[in-house]
Amino acid sequence: MTGGTIFWDVDTQVDFMLPSGCLPVPGAVTILPNLGRLTAAARAAGITIVHTADDHEPHDAEIAADPDFVETFPPHCLRGTSGADRLPETAAAPAAADIPPDGDGVDLAAVSAAPEIVLRKNRFDAFSNPVAAPLLRALAPETVVVYGVALEICDRYAVEGMLALDPRLDIVVVEDAVAALDPVRGAELLADWRRRGVRVLSTDQVLLEIGAGAPT
């Protein structure tokens, strides 16, 4: 990895990460130490972190009283609730730039210069935010390191969106810093990405590549 690296932290929010959350991902709590290591290493190395965040209102299309768990889900990450908060391990810095779900009024030049960016969304696809693709182009990374939850939903949309935007992009998925709703489906997805040129690395391997020292 080079100076052209960014980290892409997917939806590491209370409702997904903790068993007490409204829509917990099995095993997500166990990856918190690695999430903390990745966040700290990125800050120490001066690597930009994009924190995607579900930012829902009750009337959003993804929210349903009778969800199908494919296109619709129970209420989660509702704006202003504790479930929408990030865990301390990945909480954005106080001075992070903040992009609303509709991208309204965003100064892309100013946002892309920020060391940390919160990219809010009201769909599981981060690229449903109209600023997401222009932001990635403005950041112009050579490598994007993706981690967070859930592997076969929001992570999948992030990786597939990046591949569609720039097939030459070096995409790294941090295998021990993601969690899947269905571990079998998650393993199949990682295998498919490997075949398509996505690199699947451990947290230790990522930290070594960015020069963060020996693994712990």
C-alpha atoms as a PDB file:
ATOM      1  CA  MET A   1       0.000   0.000   0.000  1.00  0.00           C
ATOM      2  CA  THR A   2       1.100   3.563  -0.662  1.00  0.00           C
ATOM      3  CA  GLY A   3       0.115   7.084   0.239  1.00  0.00           C
ATOM      4  CA  GLY A   4      -2.819   6.571  -2.119  1.00  0.00           C
ATOM      5  CA  THR A   5      -4.648   4.454   0.457  1.00  0.00           C
ATOM      6  CA  ILE A   6      -7.973   5.182   2.162  1.00  0.00           C
ATOM      7  CA  PHE A   7      -9.863   3.158   4.763  1.00  0.00           C
ATOM      8  CA  TRP A   8     -13.593   2.505   4.261  1.00  0.00           C
ATOM      9  CA  ASP A   9     -15.322   1.744   7.587  1.00  0.00           C
ATOM     10  CA  VAL A  10     -18.756   0.253   6.883  1.00  0.00           C
ATOM     11  CA  ASP A  11     -21.611   0.853   9.322  1.00  0.00           C
ATOM     12  CA  THR A  12     -19.838  -0.051  12.584  1.00  0.00           C
ATOM     13  CA  GLN A  13     -22.831   1.222  14.557  1.00  0.00           C
ATOM     14  CA  VAL A  14     -24.410   0.056  17.818  1.00  0.00           C
ATOM     15  CA  ASP A  15     -27.519  -1.478  16.239  1.00  0.00           C
ATOM     16  CA  PHE A  16     -25.346  -3.761  14.090  1.00  0.00           C
ATOM     17  CA  MET A  17     -22.316  -4.345  16.297  1.00  0.00           C
ATOM     18  CA  LEU A  18     -23.758  -5.178  19.726  1.00  0.00           C
ATOM     19  CA  PRO A  19     -26.043  -8.105  20.661  1.00  0.00           C
ATOM     20  CA  SER A  20     -28.352  -5.537  22.272  1.00  0.00           C
ATOM     21  CA  GLY A  21     -28.736  -3.647  18.984  1.00  0.00           C
ATOM     22  CA  CYS A  22     -31.885  -3.595  16.881  1.00  0.00           C
ATOM     23  CA  LEU A  23     -30.315  -5.570  14.014  1.00  0.00           C
ATOM     24  CA  PRO A  24     -27.199  -7.292  15.393  1.00  0.00           C
ATOM     25  CA  VAL A  25     -24.783  -9.090  13.088  1.00  0.00           C
ATOM     26  CA  PRO A  26     -23.690 -12.391  14.687  1.00  0.00           C
ATOM     27  CA  GLY A  27     -20.139 -12.200  15.984  1.00  0.00           C
ATOM     28  CA  ALA A  28     -19.736  -8.513  15.171  1.00  0.00           C
ATOM     29  CA  VAL A  29     -18.759  -7.653  18.733  1.00  0.00           C
ATOM     30  CA  THR A  30     -15.729  -9.954  18.449  1.00  0.00           C
ATOM     31  CA  ILE A  31     -14.141  -7.832  15.712  1.00  0.00           C
ATOM     32  CA  LEU A  32     -14.138  -4.651  17.806  1.00  0.00           C
ATOM     33  CA  PRO A  33     -10.475  -4.979  18.845  1.00  0.00           C
ATOM     34  CA  ASN A  34      -9.378  -5.210  15.209  1.00  0.00           C
ATOM     35  CA  LEU A  35     -11.617  -2.291  14.276  1.00  0.00           C
ATOM     36  CA  GLY A  36      -9.914  -0.250  16.970  1.00  0.00           C
ATOM     37  CA  ARG A  37      -6.471  -1.232  15.705  1.00  0.00           C
ATOM     38  CA  LEU A  38      -7.363  -0.271  12.126  1.00  0.00           C
ATOM     39  CA  THR A  39      -8.776   3.109  13.182  1.00  0.00           C
ATOM     40  CA  ALA A  40      -5.783   3.970  15.341  1.00  0.00           C
ATOM     41  CA  ALA A  41      -3.299   2.866  12.667  1.00  0.00           C
ATOM     42  CA  ALA A  42      -5.011   4.915   9.964  1.00  0.00           C
ATOM     43  CA  ARG A  43      -4.924   8.037  12.116  1.00  0.00           C
ATOM     44  CA  ALA A  44      -1.280   7.490  13.023  1.00  0.00           C
ATOM     45  CA  ALA A  45      -0.368   7.022   9.349  1.00  0.00           C
ATOM     46  CA  GLY A  46      -2.402  10.012   8.129  1.00  0.00           C
ATOM     47  CA  ILE A  47      -4.727   7.791   6.080  1.00  0.00           C
ATOM     48  CA  THR A  48      -8.175   9.181   5.263  1.00  0.00           C
ATOM     49  CA  ILE A  49     -11.046   7.228   6.816  1.00  0.00           C
ATOM     50  CA  VAL A  50     -14.495   7.231   5.217  1.00  0.00           C
ATOM     51  CA  HIS A  51     -17.051   6.103   7.809  1.00  0.00           C
ATOM     52  CA  THR A  52     -20.305   5.057   6.131  1.00  0.00           C
ATOM     53  CA  ALA A  53     -23.342   5.260   8.403  1.00  0.00           C
ATOM     54  CA  ASP A  54     -26.946   4.164   8.191  1.00  0.00           C
ATOM     55  CA  ASP A  55     -28.998   7.276   8.967  1.00  0.00           C
ATOM     56  CA  HIS A  56     -32.651   6.318   8.918  1.00  0.00           C
ATOM     57  CA  GLU A  57     -36.025   7.898   9.467  1.00  0.00           C
ATOM     58  CA  PRO A  58     -39.076   5.667  10.083  1.00  0.00           C
ATOM     59  CA  HIS A  59     -40.523   6.344   6.610  1.00  0.00           C
ATOM     60  CA  ASP A  60     -37.406   5.251   4.696  1.00  0.00           C
ATOM     61  CA  ALA A  61     -37.992   2.598   2.024  1.00  0.00           C
ATOM     62  CA  GLU A  62     -35.630   0.153   3.766  1.00  0.00           C
ATOM     63  CA  ILE A  63     -37.636   0.229   7.033  1.00  0.00           C
ATOM     64  CA  ALA A  64     -40.665  -2.044   7.322  1.00  0.00           C
ATOM     65  CA  ALA A  65     -42.934  -3.436  10.026  1.00  0.00           C
ATOM     66  CA  ASP A  66     -42.988  -6.768   8.143  1.00  0.00           C
ATOM     67  CA  PRO A  67     -39.489  -6.903   6.631  1.00  0.00           C
ATOM     68  CA  ASP A  68     -38.251  -9.462   4.114  1.00  0.00           C
ATOM     69  CA  PHE A  69     -34.620  -9.109   5.283  1.00  0.00           C
ATOM     70  CA  VAL A  70     -33.531  -8.706   1.666  1.00  0.00           C
ATOM     71  CA  GLU A  71     -34.768  -5.295   0.609  1.00  0.00           C
ATOM     72  CA  THR A  72     -36.445  -4.277   3.876  1.00  0.00           C
ATOM     73  CA  PHE A  73     -35.435  -4.540   7.529  1.00  0.00           C
ATOM     74  CA  PRO A  74     -36.867  -3.727  10.981  1.00  0.00           C
ATOM     75  CA  PRO A  75     -36.277  -0.185  12.284  1.00  0.00           C
ATOM     76  CA  HIS A  76     -32.560   0.350  12.964  1.00  0.00           C
ATOM     77  CA  CYS A  77     -30.037   3.182  13.145  1.00  0.00           C
ATOM     78  CA  LEU A  78     -32.824   5.731  13.450  1.00  0.00           C
ATOM     79  CA  ARG A  79     -31.509   9.270  13.402  1.00  0.00           C
ATOM     80  CA  GLY A  80     -30.860  10.635  16.886  1.00  0.00           C
ATOM     81  CA  THR A  81     -30.988   7.266  18.642  1.00  0.00           C
ATOM     82  CA  SER A  82     -28.109   5.562  20.448  1.00  0.00           C
ATOM     83  CA  GLY A  83     -28.377   2.653  18.010  1.00  0.00           C
ATOM     84  CA  ALA A  84     -27.120   4.890  15.231  1.00  0.00           C
ATOM     85  CA  ASP A  85     -23.947   5.767  17.159  1.00  0.00           C
ATOM     86  CA  ARG A  86     -20.581   4.265  16.333  1.00  0.00           C
ATOM     87  CA  LEU A  87     -18.680   2.251  18.891  1.00  0.00           C
ATOM     88  CA  PRO A  88     -15.667   3.966  20.536  1.00  0.00           C
ATOM     89  CA  GLU A  89     -13.330   1.831  18.428  1.00  0.00           C
ATOM     90  CA  THR A  90     -14.505   3.501  15.210  1.00  0.00           C
ATOM     91  CA  ALA A  91     -16.151   6.735  16.339  1.00  0.00           C
ATOM     92  CA  ALA A  92     -15.351   9.507  13.874  1.00  0.00           C
ATOM     93  CA  ALA A  93     -13.107  12.313  15.034  1.00  0.00           C
ATOM     94  CA  PRO A  94     -14.997  15.423  16.217  1.00  0.00           C
ATOM     95  CA  ALA A  95     -13.762  17.430  13.242  1.00  0.00           C
ATOM     96  CA  ALA A  96     -14.830  14.823  10.657  1.00  0.00           C
ATOM     97  CA  ALA A  97     -16.654  16.114   7.594  1.00  0.00           C
ATOM     98  CA  ASP A  98     -20.301  15.014   7.537  1.00  0.00           C
ATOM     99  CA  ILE A  99     -22.229  14.222   4.349  1.00  0.00           C
ATOM    100  CA  PRO A 100     -26.031  13.892   4.674  1.00  0.00           C
ATOM    101  CA  PRO A 101     -27.844  11.046   2.882  1.00  0.00           C
ATOM    102  CA  ASP A 102     -29.028  13.297   0.053  1.00  0.00           C
ATOM    103  CA  GLY A 103     -25.625  14.966  -0.334  1.00  0.00           C
ATOM    104  CA  ASP A 104     -27.303  18.361  -0.263  1.00  0.00           C
ATOM    105  CA  GLY A 105     -25.036  21.393   0.113  1.00  0.00           C
ATOM    106  CA  VAL A 106     -21.778  19.432   0.224  1.00  0.00           C
ATOM    107  CA  ASP A 107     -18.562  21.228  -0.755  1.00  0.00           C
ATOM    108  CA  LEU A 108     -16.759  18.276  -2.312  1.00  0.00           C
ATOM    109  CA  ALA A 109     -13.358  19.977  -2.362  1.00  0.00           C
ATOM    110  CA  ALA A 110     -13.536  20.765   1.354  1.00  0.00           C
ATOM    111  CA  VAL A 111     -14.903  17.348   2.291  1.00  0.00           C
ATOM    112  CA  SER A 112     -12.307  15.414   0.316  1.00  0.00           C
ATOM    113  CA  ALA A 113      -9.533  17.332   2.129  1.00  0.00           C
ATOM    114  CA  ALA A 114     -10.763  16.190   5.549  1.00  0.00           C
ATOM    115  CA  PRO A 115      -8.848  13.408   7.338  1.00  0.00           C
ATOM    116  CA  GLU A 116     -12.115  11.683   8.270  1.00  0.00           C
ATOM    117  CA  ILE A 117     -15.480  11.736   6.526  1.00  0.00           C
ATOM    118  CA  VAL A 118     -18.876  10.458   7.657  1.00  0.00           C
ATOM    119  CA  LEU A 119     -20.885   9.379   4.614  1.00  0.00           C
ATOM    120  CA  ARG A 120     -24.508   8.973   5.675  1.00  0.00           C
ATOM    121  CA  LYS A 121     -27.028   6.872   3.759  1.00  0.00           C
ATOM    122  CA  ASN A 122     -30.632   5.749   4.031  1.00  0.00           C
ATOM    123  CA  ARG A 123     -30.132   2.604   1.939  1.00  0.00           C
ATOM    124  CA  PHE A 124     -27.683  -0.249   2.488  1.00  0.00           C
ATOM    125  CA  ASP A 125     -25.790   0.831  -0.633  1.00  0.00           C
ATOM    126  CA  ALA A 126     -23.341   3.656   0.203  1.00  0.00           C
ATOM    127  CA  PHE A 127     -23.445   4.668  -3.456  1.00  0.00           C
ATOM    128  CA  SER A 128     -27.129   5.551  -3.044  1.00  0.00           C
ATOM    129  CA  ASN A 129     -25.724   8.782  -1.580  1.00  0.00           C
ATOM    130  CA  PRO A 130     -25.180  10.953  -4.683  1.00  0.00           C
ATOM    131  CA  VAL A 131     -21.907  12.279  -3.265  1.00  0.00           C
ATOM    132  CA  ALA A 132     -20.340   8.827  -2.746  1.00  0.00           C
ATOM    133  CA  ALA A 133     -19.030   8.249  -6.277  1.00  0.00           C
ATOM    134  CA  PRO A 134     -17.773  11.843  -6.761  1.00  0.00           C
ATOM    135  CA  LEU A 135     -16.118  11.637  -3.337  1.00  0.00           C
ATOM    136  CA  LEU A 136     -14.257   8.455  -4.241  1.00  0.00           C
ATOM    137  CA  ARG A 137     -13.120  10.034  -7.503  1.00  0.00           C
ATOM    138  CA  ALA A 138     -11.968  13.162  -5.666  1.00  0.00           C
ATOM    139  CA  LEU A 139     -10.021  11.125  -3.120  1.00  0.00           C
ATOM    140  CA  ALA A 140      -8.470   9.220  -6.063  1.00  0.00           C
ATOM    141  CA  PRO A 141      -7.081   6.325  -4.013  1.00  0.00           C
ATOM    142  CA  GLU A 142      -4.968   3.546  -5.420  1.00  0.00           C
ATOM    143  CA  THR A 143      -6.050   1.235  -2.585  1.00  0.00           C
ATOM    144  CA  VAL A 144      -9.257   1.096  -0.533  1.00  0.00           C
ATOM    145  CA  VAL A 145      -9.297  -0.995   2.657  1.00  0.00           C
ATOM    146  CA  VAL A 146     -12.851  -2.122   3.451  1.00  0.00           C
ATOM    147  CA  TYR A 147     -14.080  -3.452   6.806  1.00  0.00           C
ATOM    148  CA  GLY A 148     -17.229  -3.432   8.932  1.00  0.00           C
ATOM    149  CA  VAL A 149     -20.680  -4.998   8.611  1.00  0.00           C
ATOM    150  CA  ALA A 150     -22.578  -6.768   7.295  1.00  0.00           C
ATOM    151  CA  LEU A 151     -20.337  -8.596   4.872  1.00  0.00           C
ATOM    152  CA  GLU A 152     -22.958  -9.825   2.418  1.00  0.00           C
ATOM    153  CA  ILE A 153     -25.075  -6.654   2.501  1.00  0.00           C
ATOM    154  CA  CYS A 154     -23.471  -3.250   3.073  1.00  0.00           C
ATOM    155  CA  ASP A 155     -19.875  -4.467   2.595  1.00  0.00           C
ATOM    156  CA  ARG A 156     -20.930  -6.187  -0.624  1.00  0.00           C
ATOM    157  CA  TYR A 157     -22.544  -3.038  -1.994  1.00  0.00           C
ATOM    158  CA  ALA A 158     -19.445  -1.030  -1.102  1.00  0.00           C
ATOM    159  CA  VAL A 159     -17.033  -3.422  -2.809  1.00  0.00           C
ATOM    160  CA  GLU A 160     -19.228  -3.988  -5.864  1.00  0.00           C
ATOM    161  CA  GLY A 161     -19.802  -0.248  -6.198  1.00  0.00           C
ATOM    162  CA  MET A 162     -16.065   0.396  -6.145  1.00  0.00           C
ATOM    163  CA  LEU A 163     -15.389  -2.339  -8.690  1.00  0.00           C
ATOM    164  CA  ALA A 164     -18.010  -0.857 -10.990  1.00  0.00           C
ATOM    165  CA  LEU A 165     -16.615   2.636 -10.559  1.00  0.00           C
ATOM    166  CA  ASP A 166     -12.985   1.687 -11.226  1.00  0.00           C
ATOM    167  CA  PRO A 167     -12.063  -1.950 -12.000  1.00  0.00           C
ATOM    168  CA  ARG A 168      -8.363  -1.042 -11.608  1.00  0.00           C
ATOM    169  CA  LEU A 169      -8.805  -0.081  -7.965  1.00  0.00           C
ATOM    170  CA  ASP A 170      -6.841  -2.175  -5.450  1.00  0.00           C
ATOM    171  CA  ILE A 171      -9.587  -3.234  -3.035  1.00  0.00           C
ATOM    172  CA  VAL A 172      -8.648  -4.938   0.230  1.00  0.00           C
ATOM    173  CA  VAL A 173     -11.248  -6.606   2.455  1.00  0.00           C
ATOM    174  CA  VAL A 174     -10.061  -7.180   6.019  1.00  0.00           C
ATOM    175  CA  GLU A 175     -11.187 -10.728   6.714  1.00  0.00           C
ATOM    176  CA  ASP A 176     -10.974 -10.556  10.514  1.00  0.00           C
ATOM    177  CA  ALA A 177     -12.602  -7.116  10.685  1.00  0.00           C
ATOM    178  CA  VAL A 178     -15.866  -8.042   8.925  1.00  0.00           C
ATOM    179  CA  ALA A 179     -18.850 -10.112  10.061  1.00  0.00           C
ATOM    180  CA  ALA A 180     -21.631 -11.759   8.091  1.00  0.00           C
ATOM    181  CA  LEU A 181     -25.271 -12.442   8.846  1.00  0.00           C
ATOM    182  CA  ASP A 182     -24.768 -15.806   7.109  1.00  0.00           C
ATOM    183  CA  PRO A 183     -21.171 -17.049   7.535  1.00  0.00           C
ATOM    184  CA  VAL A 184     -21.509 -19.539   4.658  1.00  0.00           C
ATOM    185  CA  ARG A 185     -22.667 -16.822   2.275  1.00  0.00           C
ATOM    186  CA  GLY A 186     -19.921 -14.566   3.611  1.00  0.00           C
ATOM    187  CA  ALA A 187     -17.223 -17.162   2.875  1.00  0.00           C
ATOM    188  CA  GLU A 188     -18.596 -17.668  -0.640  1.00  0.00           C
ATOM    189  CA  LEU A 189     -18.509 -13.939  -1.234  1.00  0.00           C
ATOM    190  CA  LEU A 190     -14.888 -13.623  -0.095  1.00  0.00           C
ATOM    191  CA  ALA A 191     -13.920 -16.516  -2.388  1.00  0.00           C
ATOM    192  CA  ASP A 192     -15.675 -14.855  -5.323  1.00  0.00           C
ATOM    193  CA  TRP A 193     -13.935 -11.543  -4.672  1.00  0.00           C
ATOM    194  CA  ARG A 194     -10.549 -13.268  -4.503  1.00  0.00           C
ATOM    195  CA  ARG A 195     -11.196 -14.738  -7.949  1.00  0.00           C
ATOM    196  CA  ARG A 196     -12.004 -11.235  -9.208  1.00  0.00           C
ATOM    197  CA  GLY A 197      -8.810  -9.675  -7.889  1.00  0.00           C
ATOM    198  CA  VAL A 198      -9.977  -8.296  -4.533  1.00  0.00           C
ATOM    199  CA  ARG A 199      -7.314  -8.895  -1.889  1.00  0.00           C
ATOM    200  CA  VAL A 200      -8.529 -10.512   1.323  1.00  0.00           C
ATOM    201  CA  LEU A 201      -6.075  -9.789   4.146  1.00  0.00           C
ATOM    202  CA  SER A 202      -5.951  -9.974   7.930  1.00  0.00           C
ATOM    203  CA  THR A 203      -5.713  -6.936  10.177  1.00  0.00           C
ATOM    204  CA  ASP A 204      -2.081  -7.818  10.899  1.00  0.00           C
ATOM    205  CA  GLN A 205      -1.284  -7.923   7.179  1.00  0.00           C
ATOM    206  CA  VAL A 206      -2.957  -4.558   6.565  1.00  0.00           C
ATOM    207  CA  LEU A 207      -1.066  -2.927   9.421  1.00  0.00           C
ATOM    208  CA  LEU A 208       2.218  -4.277   8.119  1.00  0.00           C
ATOM    209  CA  GLU A 209       1.451  -2.980   4.614  1.00  0.00           C
ATOM    210  CA  ILE A 210       0.817   0.549   5.883  1.00  0.00           C
ATOM    211  CA  GLY A 211       3.969   0.445   8.001  1.00  0.00           C
ATOM    212  CA  ALA A 212       2.193   0.305  11.349  1.00  0.00           C
ATOM    213  CA  GLY A 213       4.798  -2.044  12.847  1.00  0.00           C
ATOM    214  CA  ALA A 214       4.829  -5.675  13.849  1.00  0.00           C
ATOM    215  CA  PRO A 215       1.489  -7.398  14.447  1.00  0.00           C
ATOM    216  CA  THR A 216       0.262  -7.689  18.024  1.00  0.00           C
END
